[in-house]
């Protein structure tokens, strides 16, 4: 089992050569929650496997009745980056109307097609600062077996932004099928 985990880590590191090492720590904890199948149950994820990362972790669940994801967990650094507490907020309230359809579509693909998504970009999140954002997103199952949860980690650092470069471009994203991990 340990040999398989190391091989999977090496394979994903090859696909994400510029990723922060904490991305792989997060992925190891996500993979440790798997019992059978490529996508773990939310209840099996043990946050104590990544105590130093919890401030950067967030979790959303898709709510079909409202047609949007709702934040159920957001670490301190996530709230700080967005300039407010986002727990309980809909995805639309967090990312705004301009980016909602793009982000929602990507997240729906993550849960419906079962893949990990990694991205890095410079962006303005709150009105206070421009930050470099590095994100890893992973699908999870609810207690009822539906794949409708997105668990993620965002690593932010303050820095310059290229205002001429559009936000949320596909070139900033790498997707890896969960089955390959």
N, C-alpha and C. Protein backbone atom coordinates (compact mmCIF):
# COMPACT_ATOMS: atom_id res chain seq x y z
N UNK A 1 0.82 -1.20 0.00
CA UNK A 1 0.00 0.00 0.00
C UNK A 1 0.87 1.26 0.00
N UNK A 2 1.89 1.29 0.85
CA UNK A 2 2.78 2.45 0.94
C UNK A 2 3.53 2.67 -0.38
N UNK A 3 3.93 1.57 -1.02
CA UNK A 3 4.62 1.66 -2.31
C UNK A 3 3.69 2.25 -3.37
N UNK A 4 2.42 1.84 -3.37
CA UNK A 4 1.44 2.38 -4.31
C UNK A 4 1.23 3.87 -4.07
N UNK A 5 1.17 4.26 -2.80
CA UNK A 5 0.95 5.67 -2.47
C UNK A 5 2.14 6.52 -2.94
N UNK A 6 3.36 6.03 -2.74
CA UNK A 6 4.54 6.76 -3.19
C UNK A 6 4.56 6.88 -4.71
N UNK A 7 4.19 5.80 -5.41
CA UNK A 7 4.16 5.84 -6.87
C UNK A 7 3.12 6.85 -7.36
N UNK A 8 1.97 6.88 -6.71
CA UNK A 8 0.92 7.84 -7.09
C UNK A 8 1.39 9.26 -6.84
N UNK A 9 2.08 9.49 -5.73
CA UNK A 9 2.59 10.83 -5.42
C UNK A 9 3.59 11.27 -6.47
N UNK A 10 4.47 10.38 -6.87
CA UNK A 10 5.47 10.71 -7.90
C UNK A 10 4.78 11.03 -9.21
N UNK A 11 3.76 10.25 -9.57
CA UNK A 11 3.04 10.47 -10.83
C UNK A 11 2.37 11.84 -10.85
N UNK A 12 1.72 12.22 -9.75
CA UNK A 12 1.05 13.52 -9.72
C UNK A 12 2.07 14.66 -9.64
N UNK A 13 3.19 14.45 -8.98
CA UNK A 13 4.22 15.47 -8.93
C UNK A 13 4.77 15.76 -10.33
N UNK A 14 4.85 14.74 -11.16
CA UNK A 14 5.31 14.94 -12.53
C UNK A 14 4.34 15.82 -13.32
N UNK A 15 3.04 15.72 -13.02
CA UNK A 15 2.04 16.51 -13.72
C UNK A 15 1.93 17.92 -13.16
N UNK A 16 2.43 18.14 -11.95
CA UNK A 16 2.36 19.45 -11.28
C UNK A 16 3.75 19.86 -10.80
N UNK A 17 4.69 20.05 -11.71
CA UNK A 17 6.07 20.30 -11.29
C UNK A 17 6.28 21.59 -10.49
N UNK A 18 5.41 22.58 -10.64
CA UNK A 18 5.59 23.85 -9.93
C UNK A 18 4.74 23.97 -8.68
N UNK A 19 4.04 22.90 -8.32
CA UNK A 19 3.12 22.96 -7.17
C UNK A 19 3.87 23.03 -5.85
N UNK A 20 3.28 23.74 -4.93
CA UNK A 20 3.77 23.81 -3.56
C UNK A 20 3.73 22.40 -2.95
N UNK A 21 4.72 21.99 -2.19
CA UNK A 21 4.73 20.66 -1.58
C UNK A 21 3.50 20.36 -0.72
N UNK A 22 2.86 21.39 -0.19
CA UNK A 22 1.66 21.18 0.63
C UNK A 22 0.50 20.62 -0.20
N UNK A 23 0.52 20.85 -1.50
CA UNK A 23 -0.50 20.29 -2.39
C UNK A 23 -0.46 18.76 -2.31
N UNK A 24 0.74 18.21 -2.30
CA UNK A 24 0.88 16.75 -2.27
C UNK A 24 0.55 16.18 -0.89
N UNK A 25 0.81 16.97 0.14
CA UNK A 25 0.40 16.57 1.50
C UNK A 25 -1.12 16.49 1.59
N UNK A 26 -1.80 17.48 1.01
CA UNK A 26 -3.27 17.48 0.95
C UNK A 26 -3.77 16.26 0.18
N UNK A 27 -3.19 16.00 -0.98
CA UNK A 27 -3.61 14.86 -1.80
C UNK A 27 -3.39 13.54 -1.08
N UNK A 28 -2.29 13.42 -0.35
CA UNK A 28 -2.05 12.19 0.42
C UNK A 28 -3.15 11.97 1.44
N UNK A 29 -3.58 13.03 2.12
CA UNK A 29 -4.66 12.92 3.11
C UNK A 29 -5.98 12.56 2.44
N UNK A 30 -6.24 13.13 1.27
CA UNK A 30 -7.46 12.81 0.52
C UNK A 30 -7.44 11.34 0.10
N UNK A 31 -6.29 10.88 -0.42
CA UNK A 31 -6.17 9.48 -0.84
C UNK A 31 -6.30 8.52 0.33
N UNK A 32 -5.82 8.91 1.49
CA UNK A 32 -5.90 8.05 2.68
C UNK A 32 -7.35 7.80 3.09
N UNK A 33 -8.27 8.67 2.68
CA UNK A 33 -9.68 8.51 3.02
C UNK A 33 -10.38 7.49 2.12
N UNK A 34 -9.73 7.10 1.04
CA UNK A 34 -10.35 6.14 0.12
C UNK A 34 -10.29 4.73 0.71
N UNK A 35 -11.42 4.05 0.63
CA UNK A 35 -11.48 2.66 1.06
C UNK A 35 -11.67 1.77 -0.14
N UNK A 36 -12.69 2.08 -0.91
CA UNK A 36 -12.94 1.36 -2.15
C UNK A 36 -13.35 2.39 -3.19
N UNK A 37 -12.80 2.27 -4.35
CA UNK A 37 -13.12 3.22 -5.40
C UNK A 37 -12.18 4.42 -5.40
N UNK A 38 -12.33 5.21 -6.42
CA UNK A 38 -11.42 6.34 -6.64
C UNK A 38 -11.77 7.58 -5.83
N UNK A 39 -13.04 7.67 -5.36
CA UNK A 39 -13.48 8.88 -4.67
C UNK A 39 -13.89 8.51 -3.24
N UNK A 40 -13.31 9.17 -2.25
CA UNK A 40 -13.61 8.83 -0.85
C UNK A 40 -14.91 9.47 -0.35
N UNK A 41 -15.42 8.89 0.72
CA UNK A 41 -16.55 9.50 1.43
C UNK A 41 -16.02 10.65 2.28
N UNK A 42 -16.80 11.69 2.35
CA UNK A 42 -16.45 12.87 3.17
C UNK A 42 -16.19 12.46 4.62
N UNK A 43 -17.01 11.58 5.15
CA UNK A 43 -16.89 11.16 6.55
C UNK A 43 -15.59 10.42 6.83
N UNK A 44 -14.96 9.88 5.81
CA UNK A 44 -13.71 9.14 6.00
C UNK A 44 -12.49 10.05 6.00
N UNK A 45 -12.66 11.29 5.57
CA UNK A 45 -11.53 12.22 5.52
C UNK A 45 -11.18 12.65 6.94
N UNK A 46 -9.94 12.46 7.32
CA UNK A 46 -9.48 12.81 8.67
C UNK A 46 -8.65 14.09 8.62
N UNK A 47 -9.22 15.20 9.07
CA UNK A 47 -8.46 16.46 9.03
C UNK A 47 -7.21 16.44 9.90
N UNK A 48 -7.15 15.51 10.85
CA UNK A 48 -5.94 15.42 11.69
C UNK A 48 -4.73 14.92 10.90
N UNK A 49 -4.96 14.44 9.68
CA UNK A 49 -3.84 14.06 8.82
C UNK A 49 -3.12 15.28 8.25
N UNK A 50 -3.77 16.45 8.32
CA UNK A 50 -3.18 17.68 7.76
C UNK A 50 -3.40 18.87 8.71
N UNK A 51 -3.04 18.76 9.97
CA UNK A 51 -3.35 19.85 10.91
C UNK A 51 -2.76 21.20 10.52
N UNK A 52 -1.58 21.21 9.93
CA UNK A 52 -0.96 22.50 9.58
C UNK A 52 -1.61 23.13 8.35
N UNK A 53 -2.44 22.38 7.63
CA UNK A 53 -3.07 22.90 6.42
C UNK A 53 -4.50 23.35 6.62
N UNK A 54 -5.09 23.04 7.78
CA UNK A 54 -6.52 23.31 7.99
C UNK A 54 -6.89 24.77 7.78
N UNK A 55 -6.01 25.68 8.05
CA UNK A 55 -6.30 27.10 7.86
C UNK A 55 -6.52 27.44 6.38
N UNK A 56 -6.07 26.54 5.49
CA UNK A 56 -6.17 26.77 4.05
C UNK A 56 -7.17 25.85 3.35
N UNK A 57 -7.90 25.05 4.13
CA UNK A 57 -8.82 24.06 3.58
C UNK A 57 -10.24 24.60 3.58
N UNK A 58 -11.02 24.17 2.59
CA UNK A 58 -12.43 24.55 2.48
C UNK A 58 -13.21 23.37 1.92
N UNK A 59 -14.52 23.41 2.14
CA UNK A 59 -15.39 22.33 1.67
C UNK A 59 -16.74 22.91 1.27
N UNK A 60 -17.19 22.54 0.09
CA UNK A 60 -18.50 22.94 -0.41
C UNK A 60 -19.29 21.68 -0.78
N UNK A 61 -20.60 21.76 -0.64
CA UNK A 61 -21.47 20.68 -1.07
C UNK A 61 -22.52 21.23 -2.02
N UNK A 62 -22.81 20.47 -3.08
CA UNK A 62 -23.80 20.90 -4.05
C UNK A 62 -25.19 20.71 -3.47
N UNK A 63 -26.00 21.75 -3.57
CA UNK A 63 -27.39 21.72 -3.10
C UNK A 63 -28.30 21.82 -4.32
N UNK A 64 -28.88 20.68 -4.77
CA UNK A 64 -29.70 20.71 -5.98
C UNK A 64 -30.89 21.66 -5.91
N UNK A 65 -31.45 21.84 -4.75
CA UNK A 65 -32.61 22.72 -4.60
C UNK A 65 -32.33 24.17 -4.96
N UNK A 66 -31.08 24.59 -4.80
CA UNK A 66 -30.72 25.97 -5.15
C UNK A 66 -29.81 26.03 -6.38
N UNK A 67 -29.38 24.85 -6.84
CA UNK A 67 -28.54 24.80 -8.04
C UNK A 67 -27.17 25.41 -7.85
N UNK A 68 -26.62 25.29 -6.64
CA UNK A 68 -25.32 25.89 -6.35
C UNK A 68 -24.63 25.11 -5.24
N UNK A 69 -23.33 25.31 -5.12
CA UNK A 69 -22.56 24.75 -4.02
C UNK A 69 -22.65 25.69 -2.84
N UNK A 70 -22.65 25.14 -1.62
CA UNK A 70 -22.69 25.93 -0.39
C UNK A 70 -21.46 25.57 0.44
N UNK A 71 -20.80 26.59 0.96
CA UNK A 71 -19.60 26.39 1.78
C UNK A 71 -19.99 25.86 3.16
N UNK A 72 -19.38 24.75 3.55
CA UNK A 72 -19.62 24.16 4.86
C UNK A 72 -18.40 24.25 5.77
N UNK A 73 -17.27 24.65 5.21
CA UNK A 73 -16.04 24.76 6.00
C UNK A 73 -15.10 25.70 5.28
N UNK A 74 -14.50 26.62 6.03
CA UNK A 74 -13.49 27.51 5.46
C UNK A 74 -12.50 27.87 6.55
N UNK A 75 -11.22 27.57 6.31
CA UNK A 75 -10.17 27.90 7.26
C UNK A 75 -9.95 29.40 7.36
N UNK A 76 -9.19 29.79 8.37
CA UNK A 76 -8.97 31.22 8.64
C UNK A 76 -8.34 31.95 7.46
N UNK A 77 -7.37 31.34 6.80
CA UNK A 77 -6.72 32.02 5.68
C UNK A 77 -7.64 32.17 4.48
N UNK A 78 -8.59 31.27 4.35
CA UNK A 78 -9.57 31.38 3.27
C UNK A 78 -10.47 32.59 3.53
N UNK A 79 -10.99 32.66 4.73
CA UNK A 79 -11.85 33.80 5.09
C UNK A 79 -11.11 35.13 4.95
N UNK A 80 -9.86 35.15 5.37
CA UNK A 80 -9.07 36.38 5.27
C UNK A 80 -8.87 36.78 3.81
N UNK A 81 -8.58 35.81 2.96
CA UNK A 81 -8.35 36.12 1.55
C UNK A 81 -9.60 36.69 0.88
N UNK A 82 -10.77 36.18 1.25
CA UNK A 82 -12.01 36.67 0.65
C UNK A 82 -12.55 37.91 1.35
N UNK A 83 -11.96 38.28 2.47
CA UNK A 83 -12.36 39.50 3.16
C UNK A 83 -13.62 39.34 3.99
N UNK A 84 -14.03 38.09 4.23
CA UNK A 84 -15.24 37.82 5.02
C UNK A 84 -15.29 36.33 5.37
N UNK A 85 -16.15 36.00 6.33
CA UNK A 85 -16.41 34.58 6.63
C UNK A 85 -17.30 34.05 5.52
N UNK A 86 -16.89 32.92 4.91
CA UNK A 86 -17.68 32.39 3.80
C UNK A 86 -18.46 31.13 4.16
N UNK A 87 -18.28 30.63 5.36
CA UNK A 87 -19.04 29.45 5.78
C UNK A 87 -20.54 29.77 5.69
N UNK A 88 -21.30 28.90 5.00
CA UNK A 88 -22.73 29.12 4.81
C UNK A 88 -23.07 29.89 3.55
N UNK A 89 -22.07 30.44 2.87
CA UNK A 89 -22.31 31.20 1.65
C UNK A 89 -22.42 30.28 0.44
N UNK A 90 -23.22 30.70 -0.51
CA UNK A 90 -23.29 30.01 -1.79
C UNK A 90 -22.04 30.37 -2.61
N UNK A 91 -21.69 29.49 -3.53
CA UNK A 91 -20.55 29.75 -4.40
C UNK A 91 -20.71 31.09 -5.12
N UNK A 92 -21.91 31.38 -5.59
CA UNK A 92 -22.16 32.64 -6.30
C UNK A 92 -21.82 33.84 -5.41
N UNK A 93 -22.16 33.78 -4.13
CA UNK A 93 -21.86 34.88 -3.22
C UNK A 93 -20.36 35.05 -3.02
N UNK A 94 -19.62 33.97 -3.11
CA UNK A 94 -18.19 34.02 -2.86
C UNK A 94 -17.43 34.50 -4.10
N UNK A 95 -17.69 33.88 -5.25
CA UNK A 95 -16.90 34.22 -6.44
C UNK A 95 -17.49 35.38 -7.25
N UNK A 96 -18.76 35.70 -7.01
CA UNK A 96 -19.39 36.81 -7.72
C UNK A 96 -20.08 36.36 -9.00
N UNK A 97 -20.96 37.20 -9.48
CA UNK A 97 -21.76 36.87 -10.67
C UNK A 97 -20.91 36.68 -11.93
N UNK A 98 -19.86 37.48 -12.09
CA UNK A 98 -19.06 37.40 -13.31
C UNK A 98 -18.38 36.05 -13.50
N UNK A 99 -17.91 35.44 -12.41
CA UNK A 99 -17.15 34.18 -12.51
C UNK A 99 -17.97 32.95 -12.11
N UNK A 100 -19.17 33.15 -11.58
CA UNK A 100 -19.94 32.03 -11.05
C UNK A 100 -20.19 30.92 -12.06
N UNK A 101 -20.68 31.25 -13.24
CA UNK A 101 -21.02 30.20 -14.20
C UNK A 101 -19.79 29.37 -14.59
N UNK A 102 -18.65 30.02 -14.75
CA UNK A 102 -17.42 29.30 -15.10
C UNK A 102 -17.00 28.37 -13.97
N UNK A 103 -16.95 28.90 -12.75
CA UNK A 103 -16.52 28.09 -11.61
C UNK A 103 -17.52 26.97 -11.33
N UNK A 104 -18.80 27.28 -11.37
CA UNK A 104 -19.83 26.26 -11.14
C UNK A 104 -19.70 25.13 -12.15
N UNK A 105 -19.53 25.46 -13.41
CA UNK A 105 -19.37 24.43 -14.44
C UNK A 105 -18.17 23.55 -14.20
N UNK A 106 -17.07 24.15 -13.80
CA UNK A 106 -15.86 23.36 -13.51
C UNK A 106 -16.07 22.45 -12.31
N UNK A 107 -16.69 22.96 -11.28
CA UNK A 107 -16.93 22.15 -10.08
C UNK A 107 -17.91 21.01 -10.37
N UNK A 108 -18.91 21.28 -11.20
CA UNK A 108 -19.84 20.21 -11.56
C UNK A 108 -19.13 19.11 -12.34
N UNK A 109 -18.16 19.49 -13.17
CA UNK A 109 -17.35 18.48 -13.87
C UNK A 109 -16.49 17.68 -12.90
N UNK A 110 -15.94 18.35 -11.89
CA UNK A 110 -15.11 17.66 -10.91
C UNK A 110 -15.90 16.54 -10.24
N UNK A 111 -17.12 16.84 -9.82
CA UNK A 111 -17.92 15.82 -9.12
C UNK A 111 -18.53 14.82 -10.09
N UNK A 112 -18.92 15.23 -11.27
CA UNK A 112 -19.58 14.30 -12.19
C UNK A 112 -18.59 13.39 -12.92
N UNK A 113 -17.39 13.89 -13.20
CA UNK A 113 -16.41 13.11 -13.95
C UNK A 113 -15.32 12.54 -13.06
N UNK A 114 -15.26 12.96 -11.81
CA UNK A 114 -14.30 12.41 -10.86
C UNK A 114 -12.85 12.70 -11.18
N UNK A 115 -12.48 13.96 -11.07
CA UNK A 115 -11.06 14.28 -11.23
C UNK A 115 -10.62 15.34 -10.24
N UNK A 116 -9.32 15.37 -10.04
CA UNK A 116 -8.66 16.38 -9.21
C UNK A 116 -8.38 17.57 -10.12
N UNK A 117 -8.55 18.77 -9.60
CA UNK A 117 -8.23 19.96 -10.38
C UNK A 117 -7.22 20.79 -9.61
N UNK A 118 -6.16 21.19 -10.29
CA UNK A 118 -5.13 22.04 -9.72
C UNK A 118 -5.04 23.29 -10.58
N UNK A 119 -4.87 24.42 -9.93
CA UNK A 119 -4.70 25.66 -10.67
C UNK A 119 -3.89 26.67 -9.89
N UNK A 120 -3.25 27.56 -10.64
CA UNK A 120 -2.48 28.63 -10.03
C UNK A 120 -2.70 29.89 -10.85
N UNK A 121 -3.01 30.98 -10.19
CA UNK A 121 -3.24 32.24 -10.90
C UNK A 121 -3.07 33.41 -9.93
N UNK A 122 -2.91 34.57 -10.50
CA UNK A 122 -2.90 35.81 -9.70
C UNK A 122 -4.29 36.41 -9.84
N UNK A 123 -4.87 36.84 -8.73
CA UNK A 123 -6.25 37.29 -8.77
C UNK A 123 -6.55 38.27 -7.65
N UNK A 124 -7.60 39.04 -7.83
CA UNK A 124 -8.09 39.90 -6.76
C UNK A 124 -9.27 39.18 -6.14
N UNK A 125 -9.13 38.82 -4.86
CA UNK A 125 -10.20 38.13 -4.17
C UNK A 125 -11.03 39.11 -3.36
N UNK A 126 -10.37 39.81 -2.48
CA UNK A 126 -11.08 40.83 -1.70
C UNK A 126 -10.66 42.19 -2.24
N UNK A 127 -11.30 43.20 -1.75
CA UNK A 127 -10.96 44.55 -2.23
C UNK A 127 -9.63 45.03 -1.68
N UNK A 128 -9.13 44.36 -0.65
CA UNK A 128 -7.93 44.84 0.00
C UNK A 128 -6.64 44.52 -0.76
N UNK A 129 -6.53 43.31 -1.28
CA UNK A 129 -5.23 42.89 -1.79
C UNK A 129 -5.37 42.00 -3.02
N UNK A 130 -4.30 41.95 -3.77
CA UNK A 130 -4.20 41.02 -4.88
C UNK A 130 -3.33 39.87 -4.40
N UNK A 131 -3.75 38.67 -4.67
CA UNK A 131 -3.04 37.50 -4.17
C UNK A 131 -2.76 36.50 -5.27
N UNK A 132 -1.70 35.76 -5.07
CA UNK A 132 -1.42 34.61 -5.91
C UNK A 132 -2.16 33.46 -5.27
N UNK A 133 -2.99 32.80 -6.04
CA UNK A 133 -3.77 31.69 -5.50
C UNK A 133 -3.35 30.39 -6.15
N UNK A 134 -3.07 29.41 -5.33
CA UNK A 134 -2.76 28.06 -5.79
C UNK A 134 -3.79 27.15 -5.15
N UNK A 135 -4.52 26.38 -5.98
CA UNK A 135 -5.63 25.58 -5.46
C UNK A 135 -5.56 24.14 -5.92
N UNK A 136 -6.01 23.28 -5.03
CA UNK A 136 -6.22 21.88 -5.38
C UNK A 136 -7.64 21.53 -4.94
N UNK A 137 -8.41 20.93 -5.82
CA UNK A 137 -9.80 20.57 -5.54
C UNK A 137 -9.97 19.08 -5.77
N UNK A 138 -10.75 18.44 -4.90
CA UNK A 138 -10.96 17.00 -5.00
C UNK A 138 -12.41 16.66 -4.69
N UNK A 139 -13.00 15.76 -5.45
CA UNK A 139 -14.39 15.37 -5.19
C UNK A 139 -14.48 14.40 -4.01
N UNK A 140 -15.63 14.41 -3.36
CA UNK A 140 -15.90 13.47 -2.28
C UNK A 140 -17.37 13.07 -2.33
N UNK A 141 -17.67 11.96 -1.68
CA UNK A 141 -19.04 11.46 -1.61
C UNK A 141 -19.69 11.89 -0.29
N UNK A 142 -20.97 12.18 -0.36
CA UNK A 142 -21.77 12.41 0.85
C UNK A 142 -22.09 11.05 1.47
N UNK A 143 -22.71 11.08 2.65
CA UNK A 143 -23.11 9.85 3.32
C UNK A 143 -24.00 8.97 2.46
N UNK A 144 -24.81 9.59 1.59
CA UNK A 144 -25.73 8.83 0.75
C UNK A 144 -25.07 8.26 -0.51
N UNK A 145 -23.77 8.49 -0.67
CA UNK A 145 -23.03 7.95 -1.81
C UNK A 145 -22.96 8.86 -3.01
N UNK A 146 -23.68 9.97 -2.98
CA UNK A 146 -23.63 10.92 -4.10
C UNK A 146 -22.29 11.66 -4.09
N UNK A 147 -21.69 11.80 -5.25
CA UNK A 147 -20.47 12.60 -5.37
C UNK A 147 -20.92 14.04 -5.59
N UNK A 148 -20.98 14.79 -4.48
CA UNK A 148 -21.51 16.15 -4.54
C UNK A 148 -20.76 17.13 -3.64
N UNK A 149 -19.58 16.70 -3.20
CA UNK A 149 -18.76 17.52 -2.31
C UNK A 149 -17.45 17.85 -3.01
N UNK A 150 -17.02 19.10 -2.88
CA UNK A 150 -15.70 19.51 -3.35
C UNK A 150 -14.90 19.95 -2.13
N UNK A 151 -13.83 19.21 -1.88
CA UNK A 151 -12.89 19.53 -0.81
C UNK A 151 -11.70 20.20 -1.47
N UNK A 152 -11.26 21.30 -0.92
CA UNK A 152 -10.16 22.00 -1.55
C UNK A 152 -9.22 22.65 -0.57
N UNK A 153 -8.09 23.04 -1.10
CA UNK A 153 -7.12 23.79 -0.34
C UNK A 153 -6.63 24.92 -1.24
N UNK A 154 -6.60 26.12 -0.69
CA UNK A 154 -6.10 27.29 -1.42
C UNK A 154 -4.95 27.89 -0.64
N UNK A 155 -3.86 28.08 -1.33
CA UNK A 155 -2.68 28.70 -0.74
C UNK A 155 -2.53 30.08 -1.35
N UNK A 156 -2.59 31.09 -0.52
CA UNK A 156 -2.55 32.46 -1.01
C UNK A 156 -1.29 33.16 -0.54
N UNK A 157 -0.77 34.00 -1.41
CA UNK A 157 0.31 34.89 -1.03
C UNK A 157 0.08 36.22 -1.72
N UNK A 158 0.43 37.28 -1.04
CA UNK A 158 0.24 38.62 -1.59
C UNK A 158 1.30 38.87 -2.64
N UNK A 159 0.89 39.44 -3.75
CA UNK A 159 1.85 39.72 -4.81
C UNK A 159 1.23 40.50 -5.94
N UNK A 160 2.03 40.82 -6.94
CA UNK A 160 1.53 41.59 -8.08
C UNK A 160 0.61 40.74 -8.95
N UNK A 161 -0.18 41.42 -9.75
CA UNK A 161 -1.09 40.74 -10.66
C UNK A 161 -0.95 41.36 -12.04
N UNK A 162 -1.10 40.53 -13.06
CA UNK A 162 -1.10 41.00 -14.43
C UNK A 162 -2.55 41.34 -14.78
N UNK A 163 -2.90 42.60 -14.73
CA UNK A 163 -4.29 43.01 -14.95
C UNK A 163 -4.74 42.83 -16.40
N UNK A 164 -3.80 42.64 -17.33
CA UNK A 164 -4.16 42.43 -18.72
C UNK A 164 -4.50 40.97 -19.01
N UNK A 165 -4.16 40.08 -18.10
CA UNK A 165 -4.42 38.66 -18.29
C UNK A 165 -5.80 38.31 -17.74
N UNK A 166 -6.65 37.67 -18.54
CA UNK A 166 -7.98 37.33 -18.04
C UNK A 166 -7.91 36.30 -16.90
N UNK A 167 -8.88 36.37 -16.02
CA UNK A 167 -8.95 35.41 -14.91
C UNK A 167 -9.56 34.11 -15.39
N UNK A 168 -9.29 33.04 -14.67
CA UNK A 168 -9.94 31.75 -14.87
C UNK A 168 -9.75 31.16 -16.25
N UNK A 169 -8.54 31.27 -16.81
CA UNK A 169 -8.32 30.71 -18.13
C UNK A 169 -7.95 29.22 -18.00
N UNK A 170 -8.36 28.42 -18.98
CA UNK A 170 -8.10 26.98 -18.91
C UNK A 170 -6.62 26.61 -18.81
N UNK A 171 -5.74 27.45 -19.33
CA UNK A 171 -4.31 27.16 -19.28
C UNK A 171 -3.77 27.15 -17.85
N UNK A 172 -4.51 27.74 -16.92
CA UNK A 172 -4.09 27.77 -15.51
C UNK A 172 -4.47 26.49 -14.78
N UNK A 173 -5.15 25.56 -15.46
CA UNK A 173 -5.74 24.40 -14.79
C UNK A 173 -5.14 23.09 -15.30
N UNK A 174 -4.89 22.19 -14.35
CA UNK A 174 -4.47 20.82 -14.67
C UNK A 174 -5.50 19.90 -14.03
N UNK A 175 -6.01 18.94 -14.79
CA UNK A 175 -6.98 17.98 -14.28
C UNK A 175 -6.40 16.59 -14.37
N UNK A 176 -6.62 15.81 -13.31
CA UNK A 176 -6.12 14.44 -13.26
C UNK A 176 -7.27 13.55 -12.80
N UNK A 177 -7.61 12.50 -13.56
CA UNK A 177 -8.67 11.60 -13.11
C UNK A 177 -8.34 10.96 -11.75
N UNK A 178 -9.31 10.92 -10.87
CA UNK A 178 -9.10 10.34 -9.54
C UNK A 178 -8.60 8.90 -9.65
N UNK A 179 -9.07 8.19 -10.63
CA UNK A 179 -8.65 6.80 -10.82
C UNK A 179 -7.15 6.66 -11.08
N UNK A 180 -6.51 7.74 -11.57
CA UNK A 180 -5.07 7.72 -11.82
C UNK A 180 -4.25 7.95 -10.57
N UNK A 181 -4.91 8.28 -9.48
CA UNK A 181 -4.20 8.55 -8.24
C UNK A 181 -4.28 7.36 -7.32
